[in-house]
Protein backbone atom coordinates (compact mmCIF):
# COMPACT_ATOMS: atom_id res chain seq x y z
CA UNK A 1 1.09 18.65 7.38
CA UNK A 2 0.39 21.76 5.62
CA UNK A 3 -3.59 22.87 5.62
CA UNK A 4 -4.24 21.15 8.92
CA UNK A 5 -5.01 21.95 12.33
CA UNK A 6 -4.39 19.02 15.15
CA UNK A 7 -7.46 18.79 17.42
CA UNK A 8 -6.59 19.80 20.96
CA UNK A 9 -9.51 18.49 22.97
CA UNK A 10 -10.70 14.72 22.70
CA UNK A 11 -13.78 15.18 21.74
CA UNK A 12 -12.48 16.71 18.69
CA UNK A 13 -10.34 14.16 18.38
CA UNK A 14 -13.51 11.79 18.40
CA UNK A 15 -15.28 14.01 16.06
CA UNK A 16 -12.26 13.67 13.81
CA UNK A 17 -11.94 9.59 14.24
CA UNK A 18 -15.67 9.80 12.53
CA UNK A 19 -14.55 12.08 9.44
CA UNK A 20 -11.50 9.48 8.77
CA UNK A 21 -13.66 6.44 9.29
CA UNK A 22 -16.58 7.75 6.81
CA UNK A 23 -13.36 8.74 4.00
CA UNK A 24 -12.39 5.23 4.23
CA UNK A 25 -15.82 3.98 4.21
CA UNK A 26 -16.44 6.13 1.31
CA UNK A 27 -13.22 5.48 -0.43
CA UNK A 28 -14.03 1.87 0.10
CA UNK A 29 -17.39 1.78 -1.58
CA UNK A 30 -16.26 3.86 -4.86
CA UNK A 31 -13.16 3.10 -5.61
CA UNK A 32 -11.91 6.81 -6.06
CA UNK A 33 -12.09 9.95 -4.25
CA UNK A 34 -15.46 10.97 -6.21
CA UNK A 35 -17.15 12.41 -3.05
CA UNK A 36 -18.19 15.62 -1.58
CA UNK A 37 -17.27 16.72 2.01
CA UNK A 38 -21.28 17.06 2.53
CA UNK A 39 -21.33 13.45 2.22
CA UNK A 40 -18.97 12.79 4.44
CA UNK A 41 -20.41 15.40 6.88
CA UNK A 42 -23.50 13.25 6.48
CA UNK A 43 -21.92 9.86 7.03
CA UNK A 44 -19.43 10.47 9.71
CA UNK A 45 -22.61 13.22 11.54
CA UNK A 46 -19.64 15.92 12.28
CA UNK A 47 -20.93 19.35 10.75
CA UNK A 48 -18.78 20.73 8.01
CA UNK A 49 -17.95 23.61 9.70
CA UNK A 50 -16.06 21.14 12.32
CA UNK A 51 -14.53 19.23 9.16
CA UNK A 52 -13.06 22.98 7.72
CA UNK A 53 -12.04 23.51 11.67
CA UNK A 54 -9.31 20.45 10.90
CA UNK A 55 -8.90 21.03 7.03
CA UNK A 56 -8.61 23.55 4.76
CA UNK A 57 -10.37 21.35 1.70
CA UNK A 58 -11.11 18.01 0.72
CA UNK A 59 -8.15 17.53 -1.09
CA UNK A 60 -6.40 18.62 2.52
CA UNK A 61 -8.73 15.80 4.00
CA UNK A 62 -7.68 13.05 1.47
CA UNK A 63 -4.08 14.07 1.90
CA UNK A 64 -4.44 13.41 5.74
CA UNK A 65 -6.24 10.19 5.21
CA UNK A 66 -3.20 9.10 3.01
CA UNK A 67 -0.83 10.23 4.96
CA UNK A 68 -1.72 8.41 8.56
CA UNK A 69 -2.94 5.12 6.84
CA UNK A 70 0.13 4.92 4.84
CA UNK A 71 2.03 5.33 7.84
CA UNK A 72 0.55 2.51 9.09
CA UNK A 73 0.95 0.51 5.96
CA UNK A 74 5.04 1.36 5.84
CA UNK A 75 5.53 0.26 9.69
CA UNK A 76 3.06 -3.32 8.64
CA UNK A 77 5.39 -3.69 5.74
CA UNK A 78 8.63 -3.16 7.53
CA UNK A 79 7.22 -5.62 10.25
CA UNK A 80 5.77 -8.25 7.77
CA UNK A 81 7.89 -8.62 5.09
CA UNK A 82 11.22 -7.72 6.71
CA UNK A 83 10.58 -11.15 8.99
CA UNK A 84 8.97 -13.02 6.34
CA UNK A 85 11.79 -15.02 5.26
CA UNK A 86 13.56 -15.42 8.37
CA UNK A 87 14.20 -19.15 8.91
CA UNK A 88 13.07 -20.53 6.35
CA UNK A 89 14.32 -23.92 5.05
CA UNK A 90 16.01 -22.83 2.23
CA UNK A 91 16.17 -19.57 -0.43
CA UNK A 92 13.09 -20.48 -2.64
CA UNK A 93 11.15 -20.61 0.68
CA UNK A 94 12.25 -17.55 1.77
CA UNK A 95 11.39 -16.10 -1.69
CA UNK A 96 8.05 -17.37 -1.32
CA UNK A 97 7.65 -15.86 2.45
CA UNK A 98 8.64 -12.93 1.40
CA UNK A 99 6.69 -12.35 -1.90
CA UNK A 100 3.53 -13.95 0.13
CA UNK A 101 3.93 -11.25 2.52
CA UNK A 102 4.12 -8.15 0.68
CA UNK A 103 1.34 -9.63 -1.83
CA UNK A 104 -0.97 -9.74 0.72
CA UNK A 105 -0.25 -6.91 2.08
CA UNK A 106 -1.22 -5.04 -1.56
CA UNK A 107 -4.21 -7.49 -1.39
CA UNK A 108 -5.44 -6.59 2.09
CA UNK A 109 -5.05 -3.04 1.52
CA UNK A 110 -6.44 -2.77 -2.22
CA UNK A 111 -9.68 -0.66 -1.19
CA UNK A 112 -7.39 1.93 0.04
CA UNK A 113 -4.71 1.67 -2.08
CA UNK A 114 -6.42 2.26 -5.77
CA UNK A 115 -8.08 5.33 -4.96
CA UNK A 116 -4.89 6.67 -4.02
CA UNK A 117 -3.23 5.17 -7.30
CA UNK A 118 -6.15 7.41 -8.93
CA UNK A 119 -5.89 10.42 -6.97
CA UNK A 120 -2.26 10.93 -7.43
CA UNK A 121 -2.39 11.50 -11.43
CA UNK A 122 -4.31 14.95 -10.35
CA UNK A 123 -2.54 15.69 -6.98
CA UNK A 124 1.54 16.01 -6.89
CA UNK A 125 0.88 15.82 -2.70
CA UNK A 126 -0.63 12.67 -2.94
CA UNK A 127 1.79 11.01 -5.69
CA UNK A 128 4.70 12.13 -3.88
CA UNK A 129 3.61 10.47 -0.25
CA UNK A 130 2.84 7.17 -2.56
CA UNK A 131 6.18 7.51 -4.04
CA UNK A 132 7.38 7.65 -0.19
CA UNK A 133 5.94 4.82 0.44
CA UNK A 134 6.47 2.75 -2.96
CA UNK A 135 10.52 3.37 -2.35
CA UNK A 136 10.25 2.18 1.25
CA UNK A 137 8.31 -0.89 0.75
CA UNK A 138 10.72 -1.35 -2.29
CA UNK A 139 13.64 -1.20 0.20
CA UNK A 140 12.18 -3.48 2.95
CA UNK A 141 11.54 -6.03 0.07
CA UNK A 142 15.11 -5.63 -1.57
CA UNK A 143 16.69 -5.94 2.42
CA UNK A 144 14.80 -8.74 3.24
CA UNK A 145 15.91 -10.77 -0.29
CA UNK A 146 19.49 -10.05 0.50
CA UNK A 147 19.38 -10.80 4.09
CA UNK A 148 17.93 -14.31 2.92
CA UNK A 149 20.43 -14.55 0.13
CA UNK A 150 23.42 -14.32 2.67
CA UNK A 151 21.49 -16.69 5.37
CA UNK A 152 21.26 -19.53 2.51
CA UNK A 153 24.95 -18.45 0.81
CA UNK A 154 22.95 -17.32 -2.42
CA UNK A 155 25.12 -14.73 -4.48
CA UNK A 156 22.81 -11.86 -5.09
CA UNK A 157 23.72 -8.48 -6.00
CA UNK A 158 21.66 -5.63 -4.84
CA UNK A 159 20.42 -4.75 -8.72
CA UNK A 160 19.36 -8.21 -9.05
CA UNK A 161 17.01 -7.80 -6.19
CA UNK A 162 15.89 -4.50 -6.97
CA UNK A 163 14.55 -5.93 -10.96
CA UNK A 164 13.08 -8.73 -9.11
CA UNK A 165 11.17 -6.61 -7.23
CA UNK A 166 10.00 -4.43 -10.11
CA UNK A 167 8.73 -7.73 -12.09
CA UNK A 168 6.92 -8.78 -8.88
CA UNK A 169 5.39 -5.60 -8.17
CA UNK A 170 4.17 -4.29 -11.77
CA UNK A 171 2.62 -8.16 -11.93
CA UNK A 172 1.12 -7.91 -8.78
CA UNK A 173 -0.52 -4.27 -8.74
CA UNK A 174 -1.52 -5.32 -12.57
CA UNK A 175 -3.67 -8.49 -11.29
CA UNK A 176 -4.77 -6.43 -8.44
CA UNK A 177 -5.81 -3.40 -10.70
CA UNK A 178 -4.69 -0.96 -8.19
CA UNK A 179 -5.65 2.47 -10.00
CA UNK A 180 -5.19 0.96 -13.56
CA UNK A 181 -8.32 -1.11 -13.76
CA UNK A 182 -8.43 -0.81 -17.72
CA UNK A 183 -5.13 -3.11 -17.97
CA UNK A 184 -6.02 -4.78 -15.03
CA UNK A 185 -6.23 -8.99 -15.54
CA UNK A 186 -9.50 -10.66 -14.32
CA UNK A 187 -9.73 -11.65 -10.56
CA UNK A 188 -10.52 -15.26 -11.60
CA UNK A 189 -7.90 -15.37 -13.72
CA UNK A 190 -5.55 -17.47 -11.26
CA UNK A 191 -6.88 -18.35 -7.81
CA UNK A 192 -4.54 -16.27 -5.13
CA UNK A 193 -2.37 -19.14 -3.76
CA UNK A 194 -1.58 -20.28 -7.68
CA UNK A 195 -1.09 -16.48 -8.14
CA UNK A 196 1.56 -16.23 -5.46
CA UNK A 197 3.19 -19.16 -6.19
CA UNK A 198 3.42 -18.20 -9.61
CA UNK A 199 5.07 -14.74 -8.71
CA UNK A 200 7.46 -16.66 -6.49
CA UNK A 201 8.45 -18.72 -8.98
CA UNK A 202 8.88 -16.07 -10.92
CA UNK A 203 10.68 -13.73 -8.74
CA UNK A 204 13.04 -16.99 -7.70
CA UNK A 205 13.83 -17.22 -11.34
CA UNK A 206 14.64 -14.22 -11.50
CA UNK A 207 17.32 -13.78 -9.09
CA UNK A 208 18.52 -17.17 -9.50
CA UNK A 209 19.43 -16.70 -13.24
CA UNK A 210 23.12 -16.37 -14.25
């Protein structure tokens, strides 16, 4: 990444692991990127000089953490969502499994994702990295739906699967309040299992409509 220096010694790598952990804790606690490098330094017990030896700015640090974490999420999404519908009893069950897997990843990582949704409003690099992961996740979801449709001999066009993802993702993001808390539904509007059931039925009906 631009503005990032790769640590060459184990001690430097260990120190930066503490910095990374401190940033993730602060993102979780604040829900935004509103913290200083001095706070990161104090929490990680790593000097600011050491941090600047790796990144050129706080923005660079956030971009690096996003890149590392989103790389992890991309792999997890491919593995969990890609395999979710395989071997299901029917297309409806496969759809529910795919929806549950993807929604679960978003929910489990809400405190990581939400701050980067907000940071992307002002930072074009963060926005673009988020779009890369978003596009990758969409592709995994669509491919999983199409594979399930083929397995259960259901006619499904790619455009219909893509629209089903758009509907699912919009509803899920709104409910979880990912970066748009002003329009988020209250978390107690639906119990999580009820929400998953509604999302799964919505996707199934979307792709099954004539």
